[in-house]
Amino acid sequence: MTAAPRDPEYGNGPAGEPLTPPVLLSSLLADRELSLRHLAGPAAAGVHGVHGVHASEMPDPSPYLLGGELLLTAGAGPADDPDAYVARLARAGAAGLGFGVAPMHEEVPAALAEACARHGLPLLEVPPRTPFSAVARAVGRLTAEARTRELRRVTEAQQALAAAAARPDPVPAVLARLAASLGGSVALWPGGRAAGPELPAAAREALSALLARVGREGGPVTATDRAGGHHLAAYALAGRAALGTATPARAPGDHTVASVAAVLLTLLTAERPAGAEAAALTRLLLDGDPAAALTAGPWYAVHARGTGDPQALAAALGTVLLDPREDVVRLLTDRDPAPQPGWRLGVSAPAAPAALATAGAQAERALGRAEAARTPLARHTEPGLAGLVGEAEARAHAEALLGPLSPALRETLRGWLAHHGNWDRTAAALGVHRNTVRQRVARAGELLARNLDDPDVRMELWFALRVAAG
């Protein structure tokens, strides 16, 4: 089990993935069932975050690491040159090395412990009675628990920010709530409005520089830095305004919380349509002729279903173009939507104003896929014919058509069609003899009662095979 690529600043997974805080080595060491023992490396082993577990006996496993893994070995890998082995792991960003003292070694080699201490890589002893799979399962369990806690924290923070935005003096209330949620300081630029503890001079100066960057025309939308023992971030608002945050520590959900606050502050400080007017405008844009009502875009149609506040969802997505209905919430936004806690979202492809009716249909189908797959967000990304057919209808047709075929016959037929009926290339791709390919394709034609030389039949089968494989 290996780690997914992560944002180096926030510790998140790729865009769209749930918030995933790392597991601290101290949490694994505290697990009595594992009985792990810290032998070498940094004394404060708990500060190292584990994002996954990888077991390997290779002399150089570093090409297969993404960073943040606890690498488990029985000793074959580091046997020849422990120092070079540990140096490669440290350069690859491994969170630690777990050494199983059985069956190859009765104790952890002293040279390996010395190398880990020299290169700053935590070394853990894995006792004989603890399988490597038990360590991997413990990391998975602790990761799931941490993710749940972080999602709950982010959801509560979003709700608190939305409530603050409804107060009589909303801007100071949102700033104060954001500072409390992040456990740090925040500032609105220009104007000097701020909340939270006073920052050290180095952090204050660096944050001011960040705010000036994102607030400048043509500057970045967001920027980050570290100074004065603080993690700094700045977010562009409407016009040339910007929001800055400074925190002693950085949790995975902090970026999401700050982004919601930035959207709320944009809505509070800019002139935008709201309430019934926004709902009426959204209906016009989705169902009528919006060409004269919007900028060129691109725009995203979003269909959402969940238990949260639709107004808070709209704020999180950076829009007030909201049409809350009994069964589904429909929105339009000019920002690429991200998953939102408590909601399932279907997102259209980017669209010009004149194409928003089609975008609405795409978002509806995407929401159906999100609910079927139990994923927080699904996007319409399929071009061409597949994009014109609903997911359920396409899958039902594919299963009905391909029902007589075994998995092996489906795989062979897909490979044969992908190689335009070339027997040799298909055989090479599948790793079988060309006569096997011929026999399987012939058998598939018999079971389907179709003429596989007919281009229309091939096209229909290719479409069905792609849908079934997805």
Protein backbone atom coordinates (compact mmCIF):
# COMPACT_ATOMS: atom_id res chain seq x y z
CA MET A 1 0.00 0.00 0.00
CA THR A 2 1.56 3.28 -1.08
CA ALA A 3 0.70 6.90 -0.61
CA ALA A 4 -1.11 9.04 -3.15
CA PRO A 5 0.52 12.23 -4.40
CA ARG A 6 -0.11 15.05 -1.94
CA ASP A 7 -0.09 18.79 -1.82
CA PRO A 8 3.22 19.54 -0.06
CA GLU A 9 1.78 22.54 1.77
CA TYR A 10 -1.49 21.15 3.03
CA GLY A 11 -1.03 17.38 3.00
CA ASN A 12 -4.10 16.78 0.83
CA GLY A 13 -4.44 14.25 -1.88
CA PRO A 14 -5.02 15.15 -5.49
CA ALA A 15 -7.74 17.55 -6.32
CA GLY A 16 -11.13 16.16 -5.37
CA GLU A 17 -9.85 13.62 -2.87
CA PRO A 18 -11.08 13.69 0.74
CA LEU A 19 -8.99 15.53 3.34
CA THR A 20 -6.41 13.01 4.56
CA PRO A 21 -4.24 14.00 7.53
CA PRO A 22 -1.11 11.92 8.03
CA VAL A 23 -0.78 9.30 10.77
CA LEU A 24 1.86 10.22 13.33
CA LEU A 25 4.51 7.65 14.14
CA SER A 26 3.76 8.31 17.78
CA SER A 27 0.25 6.93 17.20
CA LEU A 28 1.70 3.70 15.78
CA LEU A 29 4.17 3.43 18.65
CA ALA A 30 1.29 3.84 21.12
CA ASP A 31 -0.58 0.88 19.59
CA ARG A 32 0.06 -1.97 22.05
CA GLU A 33 -1.07 -4.65 19.63
CA LEU A 34 1.70 -3.69 17.19
CA SER A 35 4.41 -3.44 19.89
CA LEU A 36 6.63 -1.32 17.65
CA ARG A 37 9.78 0.16 19.19
CA HIS A 38 11.56 3.39 18.20
CA LEU A 39 15.27 2.63 17.85
CA ALA A 40 16.92 5.51 16.01
CA GLY A 41 16.39 8.66 14.01
CA PRO A 42 14.84 11.89 15.33
CA ALA A 43 14.00 11.67 19.00
CA ALA A 44 10.63 13.38 18.34
CA ALA A 45 9.47 10.62 16.02
CA GLY A 46 5.86 11.74 16.40
CA VAL A 47 6.35 14.76 14.16
CA HIS A 48 6.79 12.56 11.09
CA GLY A 49 3.55 11.94 9.19
CA VAL A 50 2.80 8.57 7.59
CA HIS A 51 0.59 8.63 4.50
CA GLY A 52 0.93 4.96 3.60
CA VAL A 53 2.83 1.72 4.10
CA HIS A 54 5.08 0.02 1.56
CA ALA A 55 6.95 -3.28 2.02
CA SER A 56 10.01 -4.01 -0.09
CA GLU A 57 13.21 -6.06 -0.03
CA MET A 58 14.73 -4.21 -2.98
CA PRO A 59 18.20 -2.65 -2.52
CA ASP A 60 16.73 0.63 -3.81
CA PRO A 61 12.95 0.98 -3.35
CA SER A 62 13.07 4.78 -3.63
CA PRO A 63 11.79 4.92 -7.27
CA TYR A 64 8.55 3.35 -6.02
CA LEU A 65 7.99 5.85 -3.19
CA LEU A 66 5.92 9.01 -3.44
CA GLY A 67 6.97 10.41 -0.07
CA GLY A 68 5.42 9.90 3.36
CA GLU A 69 5.56 6.10 3.38
CA LEU A 70 6.59 3.92 6.29
CA LEU A 71 8.82 1.41 4.47
CA LEU A 72 8.83 -2.10 5.93
CA THR A 73 11.71 -4.52 5.31
CA ALA A 74 12.95 -7.84 6.67
CA GLY A 75 16.54 -6.79 6.06
CA ALA A 76 17.42 -7.97 2.55
CA GLY A 77 17.33 -4.47 1.04
CA PRO A 78 19.75 -2.65 3.35
CA ALA A 79 22.05 -5.66 3.86
CA ASP A 80 24.88 -4.63 1.49
CA ASP A 81 25.17 -0.89 2.15
CA PRO A 82 22.94 0.39 4.99
CA ASP A 83 24.15 3.99 4.71
CA ALA A 84 23.42 4.34 0.99
CA TYR A 85 20.10 2.54 1.49
CA VAL A 86 18.94 4.92 4.23
CA ALA A 87 20.24 7.98 2.34
CA ARG A 88 18.08 7.05 -0.67
CA LEU A 89 15.00 6.62 1.53
CA ALA A 90 15.58 9.98 3.20
CA ARG A 91 15.93 11.71 -0.18
CA ALA A 92 12.71 10.04 -1.37
CA GLY A 93 10.84 11.52 1.61
CA ALA A 94 10.10 8.31 3.48
CA ALA A 95 8.42 8.91 6.83
CA GLY A 96 10.30 6.08 8.51
CA LEU A 97 11.78 2.60 8.24
CA GLY A 98 10.20 -0.41 9.94
CA PHE A 99 12.59 -3.34 10.36
CA GLY A 100 11.19 -6.83 10.93
CA VAL A 101 13.58 -8.80 13.13
CA ALA A 102 12.40 -12.13 11.74
CA PRO A 103 13.13 -14.30 9.87
CA MET A 104 16.44 -12.95 8.48
CA HIS A 105 17.77 -11.10 11.56
CA GLU A 106 17.50 -11.67 15.28
CA GLU A 107 18.05 -7.98 15.96
CA VAL A 108 18.27 -4.73 14.03
CA PRO A 109 21.82 -4.30 12.63
CA ALA A 110 23.76 -1.58 14.46
CA ALA A 111 25.02 -0.16 11.14
CA LEU A 112 21.44 0.42 10.02
CA ALA A 113 20.51 2.20 13.26
CA GLU A 114 23.60 4.40 12.92
CA ALA A 115 22.68 5.27 9.32
CA CYS A 116 19.11 6.20 10.31
CA ALA A 117 20.43 8.44 13.09
CA ARG A 118 22.91 10.05 10.69
CA HIS A 119 20.30 10.78 7.97
CA GLY A 120 17.43 11.72 10.29
CA LEU A 121 15.17 8.79 9.33
CA PRO A 122 13.10 7.29 12.18
CA LEU A 123 13.79 3.56 12.61
CA LEU A 124 11.16 1.29 14.16
CA GLU A 125 11.62 -2.32 15.23
CA VAL A 126 8.78 -4.62 14.15
CA PRO A 127 8.66 -7.68 16.48
CA PRO A 128 8.33 -11.22 15.06
CA ARG A 129 4.72 -11.59 16.16
CA THR A 130 3.60 -8.47 14.26
CA PRO A 131 2.90 -9.11 10.54
CA PHE A 132 3.65 -6.27 8.17
CA SER A 133 -0.01 -6.42 7.09
CA ALA A 134 -1.03 -5.54 10.67
CA VAL A 135 1.03 -2.33 10.46
CA ALA A 136 -0.60 -1.46 7.12
CA ARG A 137 -4.07 -2.08 8.54
CA ALA A 138 -3.34 0.05 11.58
CA VAL A 139 -2.24 2.94 9.34
CA GLY A 140 -5.40 2.54 7.27
CA ARG A 141 -7.59 2.56 10.38
CA LEU A 142 -5.86 5.58 11.90
CA THR A 143 -6.01 7.40 8.56
CA ALA A 144 -9.76 6.82 8.31
CA GLU A 145 -10.29 8.05 11.86
CA ALA A 146 -8.19 11.16 11.24
CA ARG A 147 -10.01 11.85 7.97
CA THR A 148 -13.38 11.63 9.71
CA ARG A 149 -12.26 14.03 12.42
CA GLU A 150 -10.90 16.50 9.85
CA LEU A 151 -14.05 16.36 7.70
CA ARG A 152 -16.16 16.99 10.79
CA ARG A 153 -13.97 19.95 11.75
CA VAL A 154 -14.18 21.43 8.26
CA THR A 155 -17.96 20.99 8.13
CA GLU A 156 -18.43 22.65 11.51
CA ALA A 157 -16.12 25.50 10.50
CA GLN A 158 -18.04 26.07 7.26
CA GLN A 159 -21.34 26.17 9.13
CA ALA A 160 -19.92 28.60 11.68
CA LEU A 161 -18.60 30.87 8.91
CA ALA A 162 -21.98 30.85 7.18
CA ALA A 163 -23.66 31.79 10.47
CA ALA A 164 -21.13 34.57 11.01
CA ALA A 165 -21.86 35.95 7.54
CA ALA A 166 -25.53 36.35 8.53
CA ARG A 167 -24.77 38.59 11.51
CA PRO A 168 -25.46 42.35 11.45
CA ASP A 169 -21.76 43.19 11.03
CA PRO A 170 -20.70 40.19 8.93
CA VAL A 171 -17.14 41.01 7.81
CA PRO A 172 -15.59 41.28 11.31
CA ALA A 173 -17.66 38.27 12.39
CA VAL A 174 -16.34 36.12 9.53
CA LEU A 175 -12.76 37.20 10.23
CA ALA A 176 -13.08 36.39 13.94
CA ARG A 177 -14.68 33.03 13.21
CA LEU A 178 -11.98 32.16 10.67
CA ALA A 179 -9.18 33.04 13.10
CA ALA A 180 -10.79 30.81 15.75
CA SER A 181 -11.31 27.93 13.32
CA LEU A 182 -7.71 28.03 12.12
CA GLY A 183 -6.17 28.71 15.51
CA GLY A 184 -4.20 31.63 14.08
CA SER A 185 -4.43 35.18 12.74
CA VAL A 186 -6.21 36.57 9.69
CA ALA A 187 -6.17 39.91 7.90
CA LEU A 188 -8.20 41.62 5.19
CA TRP A 189 -6.26 43.79 2.73
CA PRO A 190 -6.54 46.68 2.10
CA GLY A 191 -8.16 48.24 5.13
CA GLY A 192 -6.20 46.62 7.92
CA ARG A 193 -9.11 44.67 9.42
CA ALA A 194 -7.72 41.65 11.30
CA ALA A 195 -8.49 39.05 13.95
CA GLY A 196 -6.42 36.72 16.11
CA PRO A 197 -3.13 37.05 17.98
CA GLU A 198 -0.52 39.59 16.94
CA LEU A 199 2.08 38.13 14.60
CA PRO A 200 5.88 38.30 14.90
CA ALA A 201 7.42 40.99 12.73
CA ALA A 202 8.87 38.50 10.21
CA ALA A 203 5.52 36.76 9.72
CA ARG A 204 3.65 40.06 9.52
CA GLU A 205 5.96 41.44 6.82
CA ALA A 206 5.89 38.24 4.77
CA LEU A 207 2.09 38.09 4.94
CA SER A 208 1.83 41.71 3.77
CA ALA A 209 4.00 40.85 0.78
CA LEU A 210 1.74 37.89 -0.06
CA LEU A 211 -1.39 40.02 0.20
CA ALA A 212 0.08 42.58 -2.14
CA ARG A 213 0.91 39.86 -4.68
CA VAL A 214 -2.55 38.28 -4.88
CA GLY A 215 -4.28 41.64 -4.68
CA ARG A 216 -2.44 42.96 -7.72
CA GLU A 217 -4.01 42.80 -11.17
CA GLY A 218 -2.57 39.82 -13.03
CA GLY A 219 -1.21 38.31 -9.79
CA PRO A 220 -1.88 34.75 -8.58
CA VAL A 221 -5.24 33.79 -7.05
CA THR A 222 -3.52 32.22 -4.04
CA ALA A 223 0.01 32.25 -2.61
CA THR A 224 1.75 30.62 0.35
CA ASP A 225 4.92 31.16 2.37
CA ARG A 226 6.52 30.40 5.72
CA ALA A 227 8.06 32.99 8.02
CA GLY A 228 8.39 33.71 11.71
CA GLY A 229 7.35 30.18 12.64
CA HIS A 230 4.02 30.54 10.82
CA HIS A 231 2.38 29.04 7.74
CA LEU A 232 1.13 31.93 5.61
CA ALA A 233 -1.49 31.97 2.85
CA ALA A 234 -3.22 34.69 0.84
CA TYR A 235 -6.42 34.49 -1.23
CA ALA A 236 -7.57 37.00 -3.85
CA LEU A 237 -11.04 38.48 -3.29
CA ALA A 238 -13.18 40.69 -5.50
CA GLY A 239 -11.46 43.67 -7.07
CA ARG A 240 -7.96 44.02 -5.66
CA ALA A 241 -8.77 42.89 -2.11
CA ALA A 242 -7.19 39.84 -0.47
CA LEU A 243 -7.54 37.64 2.61
CA GLY A 244 -4.44 36.52 4.54
CA THR A 245 -4.03 33.74 7.12
CA ALA A 246 -1.14 32.91 9.46
CA THR A 247 -1.10 29.75 11.59
CA PRO A 248 1.59 28.12 13.75
CA ALA A 249 0.59 24.71 12.35
CA ARG A 250 -1.23 23.65 9.19
CA ALA A 251 -4.03 21.07 9.11
CA PRO A 252 -5.20 19.50 5.83
CA GLY A 253 -8.61 21.18 5.99
CA ASP A 254 -7.34 24.69 6.68
CA HIS A 255 -7.12 25.54 2.98
CA THR A 256 -10.75 24.50 2.46
CA VAL A 257 -11.94 26.52 5.46
CA ALA A 258 -10.01 29.61 4.36
CA SER A 259 -11.32 29.26 0.80
CA VAL A 260 -14.91 29.25 2.08
CA ALA A 261 -14.19 32.38 4.12
CA ALA A 262 -12.65 34.03 1.05
CA VAL A 263 -15.79 33.31 -0.97
CA LEU A 264 -18.03 34.67 1.80
CA LEU A 265 -15.95 37.83 2.10
CA THR A 266 -16.11 38.27 -1.68
CA LEU A 267 -19.90 38.01 -1.54
CA LEU A 268 -20.06 40.40 1.41
CA THR A 269 -17.83 43.06 -0.12
CA ALA A 270 -18.95 42.96 -3.77
CA GLU A 271 -22.20 43.89 -5.45
CA ARG A 272 -23.80 40.65 -6.58
CA PRO A 273 -27.42 39.45 -7.04
CA ALA A 274 -28.88 37.54 -4.12
CA GLY A 275 -31.96 35.75 -2.81
CA ALA A 276 -34.99 35.34 -5.08
CA GLU A 277 -33.36 37.37 -7.84
CA ALA A 278 -30.44 34.93 -7.96
CA ALA A 279 -32.79 31.92 -8.13
CA ALA A 280 -34.78 33.55 -10.92
CA LEU A 281 -31.61 34.38 -12.82
CA THR A 282 -30.34 30.80 -12.43
CA ARG A 283 -33.58 29.43 -13.88
CA LEU A 284 -33.26 31.82 -16.80
CA LEU A 285 -29.66 30.85 -17.44
CA LEU A 286 -30.31 27.10 -17.27
CA ASP A 287 -33.65 26.98 -19.03
CA GLY A 288 -33.69 30.05 -21.25
CA ASP A 289 -31.36 32.22 -23.31
CA PRO A 290 -28.50 33.37 -21.08
CA ALA A 291 -26.20 34.73 -23.78
CA ALA A 292 -26.85 38.35 -22.83
CA ALA A 293 -26.84 37.81 -19.06
CA LEU A 294 -23.36 36.43 -18.38
CA THR A 295 -19.73 37.04 -19.14
CA ALA A 296 -18.05 34.67 -21.59
CA GLY A 297 -17.11 32.24 -18.83
CA PRO A 298 -16.41 29.37 -18.85
CA TRP A 299 -19.28 28.43 -16.55
CA TYR A 300 -20.06 25.21 -14.70
CA ALA A 301 -23.53 23.88 -14.06
CA VAL A 302 -23.74 21.99 -10.77
CA HIS A 303 -26.47 19.67 -9.51
CA ALA A 304 -26.19 18.84 -5.82
CA ARG A 305 -28.01 16.67 -3.33
CA GLY A 306 -27.23 16.60 0.40
CA THR A 307 -28.20 17.61 3.89
CA GLY A 308 -26.35 20.92 4.18
CA ASP A 309 -27.43 24.52 3.76
CA PRO A 310 -27.78 25.39 0.04
CA GLN A 311 -26.71 28.97 0.71
CA ALA A 312 -23.52 27.77 2.40
CA LEU A 313 -22.90 25.41 -0.53
CA ALA A 314 -23.28 28.29 -2.96
CA ALA A 315 -20.86 30.39 -0.92
CA ALA A 316 -18.34 27.55 -0.88
CA LEU A 317 -18.60 27.27 -4.67
CA GLY A 318 -18.17 31.02 -5.10
CA THR A 319 -21.60 31.86 -6.47
CA VAL A 320 -25.03 33.19 -5.58
CA LEU A 321 -26.60 31.74 -8.75
CA LEU A 322 -28.59 29.19 -6.81
CA ASP A 323 -31.88 27.43 -7.45
CA PRO A 324 -32.73 25.26 -4.41
CA ARG A 325 -35.45 22.75 -5.24
CA GLU A 326 -37.00 20.00 -3.16
CA ASP A 327 -35.11 17.17 -4.83
CA VAL A 328 -31.91 18.82 -6.03
CA VAL A 329 -29.97 22.09 -5.73
CA ARG A 330 -28.93 23.64 -9.04
CA LEU A 331 -26.14 26.18 -9.26
CA LEU A 332 -24.01 28.06 -11.74
CA THR A 333 -20.45 29.09 -10.97
CA ASP A 334 -17.50 30.44 -12.87
CA ARG A 335 -15.10 28.58 -10.55
CA ASP A 336 -14.13 24.95 -11.05
CA PRO A 337 -16.12 23.20 -8.26
CA ALA A 338 -14.44 21.03 -5.62
CA PRO A 339 -16.06 18.40 -3.34
CA GLN A 340 -18.02 19.82 -0.42
CA PRO A 341 -18.67 18.00 2.88
CA GLY A 342 -22.24 16.75 3.22
CA TRP A 343 -23.01 17.00 -0.52
CA ARG A 344 -22.85 14.90 -3.67
CA LEU A 345 -22.15 17.05 -6.71
CA GLY A 346 -22.57 16.54 -10.42
CA VAL A 347 -20.51 19.02 -12.45
CA SER A 348 -20.82 19.81 -16.12
CA ALA A 349 -18.02 20.40 -18.56
CA PRO A 350 -16.95 24.08 -18.83
CA ALA A 351 -19.53 25.85 -20.99
CA ALA A 352 -20.18 29.14 -22.67
CA PRO A 353 -23.41 30.94 -21.67
CA ALA A 354 -25.28 29.78 -24.78
CA ALA A 355 -24.55 26.11 -23.91
CA LEU A 356 -25.76 26.10 -20.31
CA ALA A 357 -28.92 24.14 -21.07
CA THR A 358 -26.70 21.28 -22.26
CA ALA A 359 -24.44 21.84 -19.25
CA GLY A 360 -27.44 21.43 -16.95
CA ALA A 361 -28.21 18.03 -18.49
CA GLN A 362 -24.57 17.03 -18.11
CA ALA A 363 -24.60 18.02 -14.45
CA GLU A 364 -27.79 16.01 -13.86
CA ARG A 365 -26.24 12.86 -15.34
CA ALA A 366 -23.00 13.45 -13.45
CA LEU A 367 -24.93 13.68 -10.16
CA GLY A 368 -26.52 10.33 -10.95
CA ARG A 369 -23.04 8.82 -11.38
CA ALA A 370 -21.83 10.41 -8.14
CA GLU A 371 -24.73 8.91 -6.20
CA ALA A 372 -24.36 5.50 -7.83
CA ALA A 373 -20.63 5.43 -7.06
CA ARG A 374 -21.07 7.06 -3.62
CA THR A 375 -18.41 9.62 -4.47
CA PRO A 376 -18.61 13.27 -3.39
CA LEU A 377 -18.21 14.67 -6.91
CA ALA A 378 -18.53 13.41 -10.48
CA ARG A 379 -17.70 15.44 -13.57
CA HIS A 380 -18.94 15.28 -17.12
CA THR A 381 -15.74 14.53 -18.98
CA GLU A 382 -16.79 12.04 -21.66
CA PRO A 383 -16.83 13.61 -25.13
CA GLY A 384 -18.61 12.34 -28.19
CA LEU A 385 -21.31 9.66 -28.32
CA ALA A 386 -20.80 8.45 -24.76
CA GLY A 387 -21.51 11.92 -23.45
CA LEU A 388 -24.94 11.94 -25.12
CA VAL A 389 -26.14 8.76 -23.43
CA GLY A 390 -27.07 8.56 -19.77
CA GLU A 391 -24.86 6.40 -17.56
CA ALA A 392 -27.62 4.02 -16.52
CA GLU A 393 -28.93 3.53 -20.06
CA ALA A 394 -25.45 2.99 -21.49
CA ARG A 395 -24.49 0.46 -18.83
CA ALA A 396 -27.77 -1.44 -19.16
CA HIS A 397 -27.32 -1.69 -22.93
CA ALA A 398 -23.70 -2.79 -22.56
CA GLU A 399 -24.52 -5.53 -20.06
CA ALA A 400 -27.41 -6.81 -22.17
CA LEU A 401 -25.28 -6.92 -25.32
CA LEU A 402 -22.18 -8.43 -23.71
CA GLY A 403 -23.99 -10.75 -21.32
CA PRO A 404 -23.12 -13.97 -23.23
CA LEU A 405 -19.38 -13.25 -23.12
CA SER A 406 -17.00 -14.40 -20.38
CA PRO A 407 -14.42 -11.94 -19.00
CA ALA A 408 -11.70 -13.57 -21.13
CA LEU A 409 -13.78 -13.23 -24.28
CA ARG A 410 -14.56 -9.60 -23.47
CA GLU A 411 -10.90 -8.81 -22.92
CA THR A 412 -9.89 -10.52 -26.17
CA LEU A 413 -12.63 -8.81 -28.17
CA ARG A 414 -11.71 -5.42 -26.73
CA GLY A 415 -8.04 -5.96 -27.60
CA TRP A 416 -8.90 -7.14 -31.08
CA LEU A 417 -11.08 -4.11 -31.76
CA ALA A 418 -8.45 -1.78 -30.27
CA HIS A 419 -5.88 -3.18 -32.72
CA HIS A 420 -8.27 -2.89 -35.68
CA GLY A 421 -8.63 -6.64 -36.12
CA ASN A 422 -4.88 -7.35 -36.31
CA TRP A 423 -4.34 -10.86 -34.94
CA ASP A 424 -0.60 -10.59 -34.24
CA ARG A 425 -0.70 -7.27 -32.42
CA THR A 426 -3.69 -8.41 -30.38
CA ALA A 427 -1.91 -11.63 -29.43
CA ALA A 428 1.22 -9.72 -28.41
CA ALA A 429 -0.78 -7.27 -26.30
CA LEU A 430 -2.69 -10.06 -24.53
CA GLY A 431 0.30 -12.40 -24.19
CA VAL A 432 -1.41 -15.31 -25.93
CA HIS A 433 -0.97 -17.17 -29.24
CA ARG A 434 -2.57 -15.66 -32.36
CA ASN A 435 -4.63 -18.83 -32.82
CA THR A 436 -6.07 -18.32 -29.35
CA VAL A 437 -7.14 -14.83 -30.39
CA ARG A 438 -8.78 -16.20 -33.55
CA GLN A 439 -10.64 -18.88 -31.62
CA ARG A 440 -11.86 -16.46 -28.95
CA VAL A 441 -13.03 -13.84 -31.44
CA ALA A 442 -14.84 -16.47 -33.46
CA ARG A 443 -16.48 -17.80 -30.29
CA ALA A 444 -17.55 -14.27 -29.32
CA GLY A 445 -19.16 -13.78 -32.72
CA GLU A 446 -21.07 -17.03 -32.31
CA LEU A 447 -22.32 -16.18 -28.83
CA LEU A 448 -23.35 -12.69 -29.87
CA ALA A 449 -24.87 -13.88 -33.16
CA ARG A 450 -23.28 -10.85 -34.80
CA ASN A 451 -21.14 -10.37 -37.90
CA LEU A 452 -17.89 -8.98 -36.51
CA ASP A 453 -16.81 -7.85 -39.97
CA ASP A 454 -19.66 -5.29 -40.00
CA PRO A 455 -18.32 -1.81 -39.06
CA ASP A 456 -21.60 -0.91 -37.35
CA VAL A 457 -21.37 -4.01 -35.17
CA ARG A 458 -17.77 -3.25 -34.29
CA MET A 459 -18.67 0.31 -33.33
CA GLU A 460 -21.53 -0.83 -31.09
CA LEU A 461 -19.38 -3.47 -29.42
CA TRP A 462 -16.53 -1.02 -28.83
CA PHE A 463 -18.91 1.42 -27.16
CA ALA A 464 -20.40 -1.36 -24.99
CA LEU A 465 -16.98 -2.69 -23.99
CA ARG A 466 -15.80 0.77 -22.96
CA VAL A 467 -18.90 1.38 -20.84
CA ALA A 468 -18.67 -2.07 -19.21
CA ALA A 469 -14.97 -1.57 -18.43
CA GLY A 470 -15.65 1.83 -16.83
